[in-house]
């Protein structure tokens, strides 16, 4: 026969310790990324206004980090154009390569039917996720970085749309 515990409220026994149930959300932080930034580097650079100082509530929590950024690309030729975002957690760039260890494009396009004087424009959201296990309750910095995958006529981030970083701490 199964045991059932019925409760109306769960409270911490010692003030400041909190109540953590494995597998449940401890805290959830949403950071909007609204600063427009022109994009010109083919190396990762910090996205302006996309840095969050996060303090875990438990020393062994797992963080699920989601980064969504709006990327605008404009190209006046018929070559590839592309942009990509990445997540940096506590100074470590999270995986940005596929199984063949080559760069993931993120957002990209190519117009092979262009006439002289025309340009291709693309707006899309690049979505990245990372899972990270914390080892203390010390504050860590989580931020978004962006880069061009191919050189373009013009590129910007969060110009015609907005992005965000979302951090969900899950008890273990």
N, C-alpha and C. Protein backbone atom coordinates (compact mmCIF):
# COMPACT_ATOMS: atom_id res chain seq x y z
N UNK A 1 0.84 -1.18 0.00
CA UNK A 1 0.00 0.00 0.00
C UNK A 1 0.88 1.24 0.00
N UNK A 2 0.58 2.21 -0.86
CA UNK A 2 1.36 3.44 -0.99
C UNK A 2 1.02 4.40 0.13
N UNK A 3 2.03 5.15 0.55
CA UNK A 3 1.83 6.19 1.57
C UNK A 3 1.52 7.50 0.87
N UNK A 4 0.67 8.30 1.48
CA UNK A 4 0.31 9.60 0.96
C UNK A 4 0.53 10.64 2.05
N UNK A 5 1.21 11.71 1.67
CA UNK A 5 1.38 12.82 2.60
C UNK A 5 0.61 14.00 2.00
N UNK A 6 -0.34 14.51 2.74
CA UNK A 6 -1.10 15.67 2.31
C UNK A 6 -0.64 16.89 3.11
N UNK A 7 -0.26 17.94 2.39
CA UNK A 7 0.19 19.16 3.06
C UNK A 7 -0.45 20.37 2.39
N UNK A 8 -0.57 21.44 3.15
CA UNK A 8 -1.06 22.69 2.60
C UNK A 8 0.09 23.66 2.35
N UNK A 9 1.20 23.45 3.07
CA UNK A 9 2.32 24.37 2.95
C UNK A 9 3.61 23.66 3.36
N UNK A 10 4.69 23.89 2.60
CA UNK A 10 6.01 23.39 2.97
C UNK A 10 6.85 24.60 3.31
N UNK A 11 7.45 24.61 4.48
CA UNK A 11 8.27 25.73 4.92
C UNK A 11 9.64 25.21 5.33
N UNK A 12 10.66 26.05 5.15
CA UNK A 12 12.01 25.66 5.52
C UNK A 12 12.13 25.55 7.04
N UNK A 13 12.89 24.55 7.50
CA UNK A 13 13.07 24.35 8.94
C UNK A 13 14.02 25.39 9.53
N UNK A 14 15.07 25.74 8.78
CA UNK A 14 16.04 26.74 9.22
C UNK A 14 15.98 27.92 8.27
N UNK A 15 15.74 29.08 8.78
CA UNK A 15 15.60 30.29 7.97
C UNK A 15 16.81 30.48 7.06
N UNK A 16 16.55 30.74 5.77
CA UNK A 16 17.60 30.98 4.80
C UNK A 16 18.06 29.73 4.05
N UNK A 17 17.63 28.55 4.48
CA UNK A 17 18.05 27.32 3.80
C UNK A 17 17.19 27.01 2.58
N UNK A 18 15.97 27.43 2.57
CA UNK A 18 15.07 27.16 1.46
C UNK A 18 14.63 25.72 1.43
N UNK A 19 13.65 25.43 0.60
CA UNK A 19 13.15 24.08 0.41
C UNK A 19 13.45 23.70 -1.03
N UNK A 20 14.19 22.61 -1.21
CA UNK A 20 14.55 22.18 -2.56
C UNK A 20 14.14 20.73 -2.76
N UNK A 21 13.34 20.53 -3.78
CA UNK A 21 12.87 19.20 -4.11
C UNK A 21 13.55 18.79 -5.42
N UNK A 22 14.34 17.71 -5.42
CA UNK A 22 15.06 17.30 -6.63
C UNK A 22 14.15 17.26 -7.85
N UNK A 23 14.66 17.84 -8.95
CA UNK A 23 13.92 17.86 -10.20
C UNK A 23 12.99 19.05 -10.35
N UNK A 24 12.86 19.87 -9.32
CA UNK A 24 11.95 21.02 -9.38
C UNK A 24 12.72 22.32 -9.54
N UNK A 25 12.05 23.31 -10.09
CA UNK A 25 12.65 24.62 -10.33
C UNK A 25 12.88 25.32 -9.00
N UNK A 26 14.11 25.81 -8.83
CA UNK A 26 14.48 26.57 -7.63
C UNK A 26 14.28 28.06 -7.89
N UNK A 27 14.74 28.52 -9.05
CA UNK A 27 14.51 29.90 -9.46
C UNK A 27 14.58 29.99 -10.98
N UNK A 28 13.96 31.04 -11.50
CA UNK A 28 13.91 31.25 -12.93
C UNK A 28 14.13 32.75 -13.18
N UNK A 29 15.14 33.08 -13.99
CA UNK A 29 15.47 34.48 -14.26
C UNK A 29 15.36 34.73 -15.76
N UNK A 30 14.65 35.77 -16.12
CA UNK A 30 14.50 36.16 -17.52
C UNK A 30 15.14 37.53 -17.69
N UNK A 31 16.13 37.63 -18.59
CA UNK A 31 16.84 38.88 -18.85
C UNK A 31 16.60 39.31 -20.29
N UNK A 32 15.83 40.39 -20.51
CA UNK A 32 15.61 40.84 -21.89
C UNK A 32 16.87 41.46 -22.48
N UNK A 33 17.10 41.21 -23.75
CA UNK A 33 18.22 41.80 -24.48
C UNK A 33 17.63 42.76 -25.51
N UNK A 34 17.69 44.05 -25.23
CA UNK A 34 17.01 45.04 -26.06
C UNK A 34 17.96 46.04 -26.71
N UNK A 35 19.24 46.00 -26.37
CA UNK A 35 20.20 46.94 -26.95
C UNK A 35 20.56 46.49 -28.36
N UNK A 36 20.44 47.42 -29.31
CA UNK A 36 20.79 47.13 -30.69
C UNK A 36 22.31 47.19 -30.83
N UNK A 37 22.87 46.19 -31.53
CA UNK A 37 24.31 46.16 -31.73
C UNK A 37 24.61 45.78 -33.18
N UNK A 38 25.41 46.61 -33.85
CA UNK A 38 25.87 46.25 -35.19
C UNK A 38 26.86 45.11 -35.04
N UNK A 39 26.84 44.21 -35.99
CA UNK A 39 27.67 43.02 -35.93
C UNK A 39 28.67 43.05 -37.08
N UNK A 40 29.97 43.00 -36.75
CA UNK A 40 30.99 43.07 -37.80
C UNK A 40 32.14 42.09 -37.61
N UNK A 41 32.18 41.39 -36.49
CA UNK A 41 33.30 40.50 -36.19
C UNK A 41 32.98 39.05 -36.56
N UNK A 42 33.97 38.35 -37.12
CA UNK A 42 33.79 36.92 -37.38
C UNK A 42 34.31 36.09 -36.21
N UNK A 43 34.67 36.76 -35.11
CA UNK A 43 34.99 36.09 -33.85
C UNK A 43 33.91 36.47 -32.85
N UNK A 44 33.68 35.62 -31.85
CA UNK A 44 32.66 35.93 -30.86
C UNK A 44 33.02 37.18 -30.07
N UNK A 45 32.03 38.06 -29.91
CA UNK A 45 32.15 39.26 -29.08
C UNK A 45 30.95 39.31 -28.15
N UNK A 46 31.13 39.94 -26.98
CA UNK A 46 30.03 40.08 -26.04
C UNK A 46 28.92 40.92 -26.65
N UNK A 47 27.70 40.45 -26.53
CA UNK A 47 26.53 41.19 -26.99
C UNK A 47 26.22 42.27 -25.95
N UNK A 48 26.15 43.51 -26.38
CA UNK A 48 25.88 44.62 -25.48
C UNK A 48 24.57 44.41 -24.73
N UNK A 49 24.61 44.56 -23.41
CA UNK A 49 23.41 44.44 -22.58
C UNK A 49 22.94 43.02 -22.36
N UNK A 50 23.78 42.03 -22.66
CA UNK A 50 23.37 40.63 -22.55
C UNK A 50 24.26 39.87 -21.58
N UNK A 51 24.43 40.43 -20.38
CA UNK A 51 25.23 39.79 -19.34
C UNK A 51 24.41 39.77 -18.05
N UNK A 52 24.36 38.61 -17.41
CA UNK A 52 23.57 38.43 -16.20
C UNK A 52 24.46 37.86 -15.10
N UNK A 53 24.47 38.49 -13.93
CA UNK A 53 25.14 37.91 -12.78
C UNK A 53 24.10 37.09 -12.04
N UNK A 54 24.34 35.79 -11.96
CA UNK A 54 23.36 34.85 -11.41
C UNK A 54 23.95 34.18 -10.18
N UNK A 55 23.19 34.16 -9.08
CA UNK A 55 23.62 33.51 -7.85
C UNK A 55 22.75 32.27 -7.61
N UNK A 56 23.34 31.08 -7.74
CA UNK A 56 22.58 29.84 -7.49
C UNK A 56 22.14 29.77 -6.02
N UNK A 57 21.02 29.16 -5.79
CA UNK A 57 20.52 28.99 -4.42
C UNK A 57 21.04 27.71 -3.78
N UNK A 58 21.55 26.77 -4.59
CA UNK A 58 22.09 25.52 -4.06
C UNK A 58 23.42 25.22 -4.74
N UNK A 59 24.32 24.56 -4.00
CA UNK A 59 25.67 24.31 -4.49
C UNK A 59 25.76 23.20 -5.54
N UNK A 60 24.71 22.44 -5.74
CA UNK A 60 24.78 21.34 -6.72
C UNK A 60 23.62 21.40 -7.72
N UNK A 61 23.09 22.57 -7.94
CA UNK A 61 21.98 22.72 -8.89
C UNK A 61 22.44 22.56 -10.32
N UNK A 62 21.48 22.28 -11.17
CA UNK A 62 21.73 22.25 -12.60
C UNK A 62 21.04 23.47 -13.20
N UNK A 63 21.76 24.17 -14.08
CA UNK A 63 21.18 25.33 -14.74
C UNK A 63 20.84 24.96 -16.18
N UNK A 64 19.67 25.35 -16.60
CA UNK A 64 19.29 25.26 -18.01
C UNK A 64 19.27 26.70 -18.51
N UNK A 65 20.15 27.01 -19.46
CA UNK A 65 20.28 28.37 -19.97
C UNK A 65 19.81 28.40 -21.42
N UNK A 66 18.95 29.35 -21.71
CA UNK A 66 18.40 29.52 -23.04
C UNK A 66 18.73 30.94 -23.50
N UNK A 67 19.24 31.05 -24.72
CA UNK A 67 19.61 32.35 -25.28
C UNK A 67 18.94 32.46 -26.65
N UNK A 68 18.14 33.50 -26.83
CA UNK A 68 17.48 33.74 -28.11
C UNK A 68 17.81 35.18 -28.51
N UNK A 69 18.38 35.33 -29.69
CA UNK A 69 18.73 36.67 -30.18
C UNK A 69 18.19 36.86 -31.59
N UNK A 70 17.70 38.07 -31.86
CA UNK A 70 17.20 38.41 -33.19
C UNK A 70 18.36 38.91 -34.04
N UNK A 71 18.57 38.29 -35.19
CA UNK A 71 19.68 38.66 -36.06
C UNK A 71 19.13 39.14 -37.41
N UNK A 72 19.63 40.30 -37.82
CA UNK A 72 19.27 40.88 -39.12
C UNK A 72 20.50 40.83 -40.01
N UNK A 73 20.35 40.28 -41.21
CA UNK A 73 21.45 40.15 -42.16
C UNK A 73 21.08 40.83 -43.48
N UNK A 74 22.05 41.52 -44.08
CA UNK A 74 21.83 42.11 -45.40
C UNK A 74 23.08 41.89 -46.24
N UNK A 75 22.88 41.38 -47.46
CA UNK A 75 24.00 41.03 -48.34
C UNK A 75 23.69 41.55 -49.73
N UNK A 76 24.67 42.20 -50.37
CA UNK A 76 24.44 42.71 -51.72
C UNK A 76 24.99 41.80 -52.81
N UNK A 77 25.50 40.64 -52.45
CA UNK A 77 26.00 39.69 -53.44
C UNK A 77 25.24 38.40 -53.38
N UNK A 78 25.75 37.38 -54.07
CA UNK A 78 25.07 36.09 -54.11
C UNK A 78 25.72 35.07 -53.18
N UNK A 79 26.69 35.49 -52.36
CA UNK A 79 27.36 34.57 -51.44
C UNK A 79 26.53 34.30 -50.20
N UNK A 80 27.02 33.38 -49.40
CA UNK A 80 26.38 33.06 -48.13
C UNK A 80 26.48 34.24 -47.18
N UNK A 81 25.48 34.38 -46.33
CA UNK A 81 25.50 35.34 -45.25
C UNK A 81 25.03 34.62 -44.00
N UNK A 82 25.64 34.93 -42.85
CA UNK A 82 25.24 34.22 -41.65
C UNK A 82 25.70 34.89 -40.38
N UNK A 83 24.97 34.61 -39.31
CA UNK A 83 25.30 35.09 -37.98
C UNK A 83 25.00 33.99 -36.97
N UNK A 84 25.62 34.08 -35.81
CA UNK A 84 25.49 33.02 -34.80
C UNK A 84 25.64 33.61 -33.42
N UNK A 85 24.90 33.08 -32.47
CA UNK A 85 25.05 33.49 -31.07
C UNK A 85 25.54 32.30 -30.25
N UNK A 86 26.09 32.59 -29.09
CA UNK A 86 26.59 31.54 -28.20
C UNK A 86 26.37 31.96 -26.76
N UNK A 87 26.45 31.00 -25.87
CA UNK A 87 26.31 31.23 -24.44
C UNK A 87 27.67 31.06 -23.77
N UNK A 88 28.00 32.00 -22.90
CA UNK A 88 29.22 31.90 -22.09
C UNK A 88 28.77 31.81 -20.63
N UNK A 89 29.21 30.76 -19.94
CA UNK A 89 28.85 30.57 -18.53
C UNK A 89 30.12 30.53 -17.71
N UNK A 90 30.22 31.45 -16.77
CA UNK A 90 31.37 31.51 -15.87
C UNK A 90 32.69 31.51 -16.64
N UNK A 91 32.71 32.26 -17.77
CA UNK A 91 33.93 32.40 -18.56
C UNK A 91 34.16 31.32 -19.58
N UNK A 92 33.28 30.33 -19.68
CA UNK A 92 33.47 29.21 -20.60
C UNK A 92 32.45 29.24 -21.74
N UNK A 93 32.95 29.33 -22.96
CA UNK A 93 32.09 29.28 -24.13
C UNK A 93 31.48 27.89 -24.20
N UNK A 94 30.17 27.83 -24.30
CA UNK A 94 29.50 26.54 -24.39
C UNK A 94 29.59 26.02 -25.83
N UNK A 95 29.29 24.76 -26.03
CA UNK A 95 29.48 24.10 -27.32
C UNK A 95 28.84 24.87 -28.46
N UNK A 96 29.64 25.13 -29.49
CA UNK A 96 29.14 25.80 -30.69
C UNK A 96 29.52 25.03 -31.94
N UNK A 97 29.90 23.77 -31.79
CA UNK A 97 30.28 22.95 -32.95
C UNK A 97 29.33 21.77 -33.07
N UNK A 98 29.19 21.28 -34.29
CA UNK A 98 28.35 20.09 -34.49
C UNK A 98 29.22 18.84 -34.36
N UNK A 99 28.66 17.69 -34.63
CA UNK A 99 29.37 16.43 -34.43
C UNK A 99 30.61 16.29 -35.33
N UNK A 100 30.67 17.06 -36.41
CA UNK A 100 31.85 17.04 -37.29
C UNK A 100 32.88 18.09 -36.86
N UNK A 101 32.64 18.73 -35.71
CA UNK A 101 33.52 19.75 -35.15
C UNK A 101 33.68 20.96 -36.09
N UNK A 102 32.61 21.29 -36.80
CA UNK A 102 32.62 22.48 -37.64
C UNK A 102 31.60 23.47 -37.08
N UNK A 103 31.77 24.73 -37.44
CA UNK A 103 30.91 25.78 -36.92
C UNK A 103 29.46 25.57 -37.33
N UNK A 104 28.56 25.82 -36.41
CA UNK A 104 27.13 25.80 -36.69
C UNK A 104 26.77 27.20 -37.21
N UNK A 105 25.97 27.25 -38.25
CA UNK A 105 25.67 28.54 -38.88
C UNK A 105 24.72 29.41 -38.06
N UNK A 106 23.81 28.86 -37.31
CA UNK A 106 22.84 29.68 -36.60
C UNK A 106 21.79 30.19 -37.56
N UNK A 107 21.96 31.41 -38.03
CA UNK A 107 21.06 32.02 -38.99
C UNK A 107 21.87 32.28 -40.26
N UNK A 108 21.40 31.79 -41.41
CA UNK A 108 22.16 31.98 -42.65
C UNK A 108 21.23 31.93 -43.85
N UNK A 109 21.68 32.55 -44.94
CA UNK A 109 20.92 32.47 -46.19
C UNK A 109 21.86 32.71 -47.36
N UNK A 110 21.37 32.38 -48.54
CA UNK A 110 22.11 32.63 -49.78
C UNK A 110 21.10 32.83 -50.89
N UNK A 111 21.25 33.91 -51.64
CA UNK A 111 20.38 34.19 -52.77
C UNK A 111 21.21 34.05 -54.04
N UNK A 112 20.94 33.03 -54.82
CA UNK A 112 21.72 32.80 -56.04
C UNK A 112 21.07 33.40 -57.27
N UNK A 113 19.90 34.01 -57.11
CA UNK A 113 19.19 34.58 -58.26
C UNK A 113 19.18 36.09 -58.26
N UNK A 114 20.10 36.69 -57.57
CA UNK A 114 20.11 38.14 -57.42
C UNK A 114 20.58 38.86 -58.69
N UNK A 115 19.94 39.97 -58.99
CA UNK A 115 20.39 40.83 -60.08
C UNK A 115 21.27 41.92 -59.52
N UNK A 116 22.05 42.53 -60.37
CA UNK A 116 22.94 43.62 -59.94
C UNK A 116 22.14 44.73 -59.26
N UNK A 117 22.67 45.22 -58.16
CA UNK A 117 22.02 46.32 -57.45
C UNK A 117 20.98 45.88 -56.44
N UNK A 118 20.65 44.59 -56.39
CA UNK A 118 19.68 44.10 -55.42
C UNK A 118 20.40 43.58 -54.19
N UNK A 119 19.66 43.47 -53.10
CA UNK A 119 20.25 42.90 -51.89
C UNK A 119 19.29 41.89 -51.28
N UNK A 120 19.86 40.96 -50.54
CA UNK A 120 19.08 39.96 -49.81
C UNK A 120 19.05 40.38 -48.35
N UNK A 121 17.88 40.35 -47.76
CA UNK A 121 17.74 40.68 -46.34
C UNK A 121 17.04 39.52 -45.64
N UNK A 122 17.52 39.24 -44.43
CA UNK A 122 16.95 38.15 -43.65
C UNK A 122 16.88 38.57 -42.19
N UNK A 123 15.76 38.31 -41.57
CA UNK A 123 15.61 38.50 -40.13
C UNK A 123 15.16 37.17 -39.55
N UNK A 124 15.84 36.73 -38.48
CA UNK A 124 15.49 35.46 -37.86
C UNK A 124 16.00 35.43 -36.43
N UNK A 125 15.49 34.49 -35.65
CA UNK A 125 15.93 34.32 -34.28
C UNK A 125 16.89 33.14 -34.19
N UNK A 126 18.04 33.36 -33.56
CA UNK A 126 19.00 32.30 -33.31
C UNK A 126 18.77 31.82 -31.88
N UNK A 127 18.66 30.51 -31.69
CA UNK A 127 18.30 29.93 -30.40
C UNK A 127 19.40 28.99 -29.94
N UNK A 128 19.96 29.24 -28.76
CA UNK A 128 21.01 28.39 -28.19
C UNK A 128 20.58 27.94 -26.79
N UNK A 129 21.00 26.75 -26.41
CA UNK A 129 20.75 26.26 -25.05
C UNK A 129 22.02 25.64 -24.50
N UNK A 130 22.11 25.63 -23.18
CA UNK A 130 23.24 24.99 -22.51
C UNK A 130 22.78 24.49 -21.15
N UNK A 131 23.37 23.40 -20.70
CA UNK A 131 23.12 22.87 -19.37
C UNK A 131 24.44 22.96 -18.60
N UNK A 132 24.36 23.43 -17.36
CA UNK A 132 25.57 23.69 -16.58
C UNK A 132 25.30 23.30 -15.13
N UNK A 133 26.20 22.54 -14.53
CA UNK A 133 26.06 22.15 -13.12
C UNK A 133 26.94 23.06 -12.28
N UNK A 134 26.33 23.72 -11.31
CA UNK A 134 27.10 24.62 -10.44
C UNK A 134 27.75 23.81 -9.32
N UNK A 135 28.81 24.35 -8.74
CA UNK A 135 29.51 23.65 -7.65
C UNK A 135 29.52 24.46 -6.37
N UNK A 136 28.88 25.64 -6.39
CA UNK A 136 28.82 26.48 -5.19
C UNK A 136 27.65 27.45 -5.34
N UNK A 137 27.44 28.24 -4.32
CA UNK A 137 26.41 29.28 -4.39
C UNK A 137 27.04 30.64 -4.68
N UNK A 138 28.26 30.63 -5.21
CA UNK A 138 28.91 31.88 -5.61
C UNK A 138 28.29 32.38 -6.91
N UNK A 139 28.22 33.69 -7.04
CA UNK A 139 27.67 34.30 -8.25
C UNK A 139 28.50 33.94 -9.47
N UNK A 140 27.83 33.70 -10.58
CA UNK A 140 28.50 33.45 -11.85
C UNK A 140 27.94 34.41 -12.89
N UNK A 141 28.71 34.65 -13.94
CA UNK A 141 28.26 35.53 -15.01
C UNK A 141 27.87 34.67 -16.21
N UNK A 142 26.68 34.94 -16.70
CA UNK A 142 26.17 34.25 -17.89
C UNK A 142 25.90 35.33 -18.93
N UNK A 143 26.45 35.14 -20.12
CA UNK A 143 26.27 36.17 -21.13
C UNK A 143 26.13 35.57 -22.53
N UNK A 144 25.63 36.40 -23.43
CA UNK A 144 25.50 36.02 -24.83
C UNK A 144 26.63 36.65 -25.62
N UNK A 145 27.14 35.89 -26.58
CA UNK A 145 28.10 36.42 -27.53
C UNK A 145 27.56 36.18 -28.93
N UNK A 146 28.02 36.98 -29.87
CA UNK A 146 27.56 36.88 -31.26
C UNK A 146 28.74 37.03 -32.20
N UNK A 147 28.57 36.52 -33.42
CA UNK A 147 29.59 36.68 -34.46
C UNK A 147 28.95 36.52 -35.83
N UNK A 148 29.65 37.02 -36.84
CA UNK A 148 29.29 36.74 -38.22
C UNK A 148 29.90 35.41 -38.60
N UNK A 149 29.19 34.60 -39.33
CA UNK A 149 29.76 33.38 -39.86
C UNK A 149 30.42 33.71 -41.21
N UNK A 150 29.83 34.63 -41.95
CA UNK A 150 30.38 35.11 -43.21
C UNK A 150 30.29 36.63 -43.21
N UNK A 151 31.22 37.28 -43.86
CA UNK A 151 31.19 38.74 -43.97
C UNK A 151 29.97 39.17 -44.77
N UNK A 152 29.38 40.28 -44.38
CA UNK A 152 28.16 40.77 -45.00
C UNK A 152 28.26 42.24 -45.34
N UNK A 153 27.25 42.73 -46.05
CA UNK A 153 27.13 44.16 -46.28
C UNK A 153 26.76 44.85 -44.97
N UNK A 154 25.79 44.27 -44.24
CA UNK A 154 25.37 44.84 -42.95
C UNK A 154 24.71 43.75 -42.11
N UNK A 155 24.97 43.78 -40.81
CA UNK A 155 24.33 42.85 -39.88
C UNK A 155 24.14 43.55 -38.54
N UNK A 156 23.05 43.21 -37.85
CA UNK A 156 22.82 43.75 -36.51
C UNK A 156 22.09 42.71 -35.67
N UNK A 157 22.16 42.92 -34.37
CA UNK A 157 21.50 42.03 -33.42
C UNK A 157 20.49 42.84 -32.62
N UNK A 158 19.28 42.32 -32.48
CA UNK A 158 18.18 42.91 -31.72
C UNK A 158 17.80 44.30 -32.21
N UNK A 159 17.89 44.49 -33.54
CA UNK A 159 17.54 45.76 -34.14
C UNK A 159 16.05 45.81 -34.48
N UNK A 160 15.57 44.81 -35.18
CA UNK A 160 14.17 44.78 -35.59
C UNK A 160 13.36 43.77 -34.79
N UNK A 161 13.95 43.22 -33.77
CA UNK A 161 13.32 42.27 -32.87
C UNK A 161 14.09 42.31 -31.56
N UNK A 162 13.70 41.54 -30.60
CA UNK A 162 14.37 41.55 -29.30
C UNK A 162 14.75 40.14 -28.92
N UNK A 163 15.77 40.02 -28.07
CA UNK A 163 16.22 38.73 -27.60
C UNK A 163 16.11 38.61 -26.09
N UNK A 164 16.60 37.49 -25.57
CA UNK A 164 16.60 37.30 -24.12
C UNK A 164 17.56 36.19 -23.73
N UNK A 165 17.89 36.19 -22.44
CA UNK A 165 18.59 35.09 -21.79
C UNK A 165 17.68 34.63 -20.67
N UNK A 166 17.46 33.34 -20.59
CA UNK A 166 16.63 32.78 -19.52
C UNK A 166 17.43 31.71 -18.80
N UNK A 167 17.46 31.80 -17.47
CA UNK A 167 18.22 30.87 -16.64
C UNK A 167 17.24 30.19 -15.69
N UNK A 168 17.17 28.86 -15.76
CA UNK A 168 16.31 28.10 -14.87
C UNK A 168 17.20 27.20 -14.01
N UNK A 169 17.12 27.39 -12.70
CA UNK A 169 17.89 26.56 -11.76
C UNK A 169 17.01 25.42 -11.30
N UNK A 170 17.53 24.19 -11.41
CA UNK A 170 16.77 23.00 -11.06
C UNK A 170 17.51 22.26 -9.93
N UNK A 171 16.80 21.95 -8.86
CA UNK A 171 17.38 21.24 -7.72
C UNK A 171 17.77 19.82 -8.12
N UNK A 172 18.86 19.32 -7.55
CA UNK A 172 19.33 17.96 -7.84
C UNK A 172 19.19 17.08 -6.62
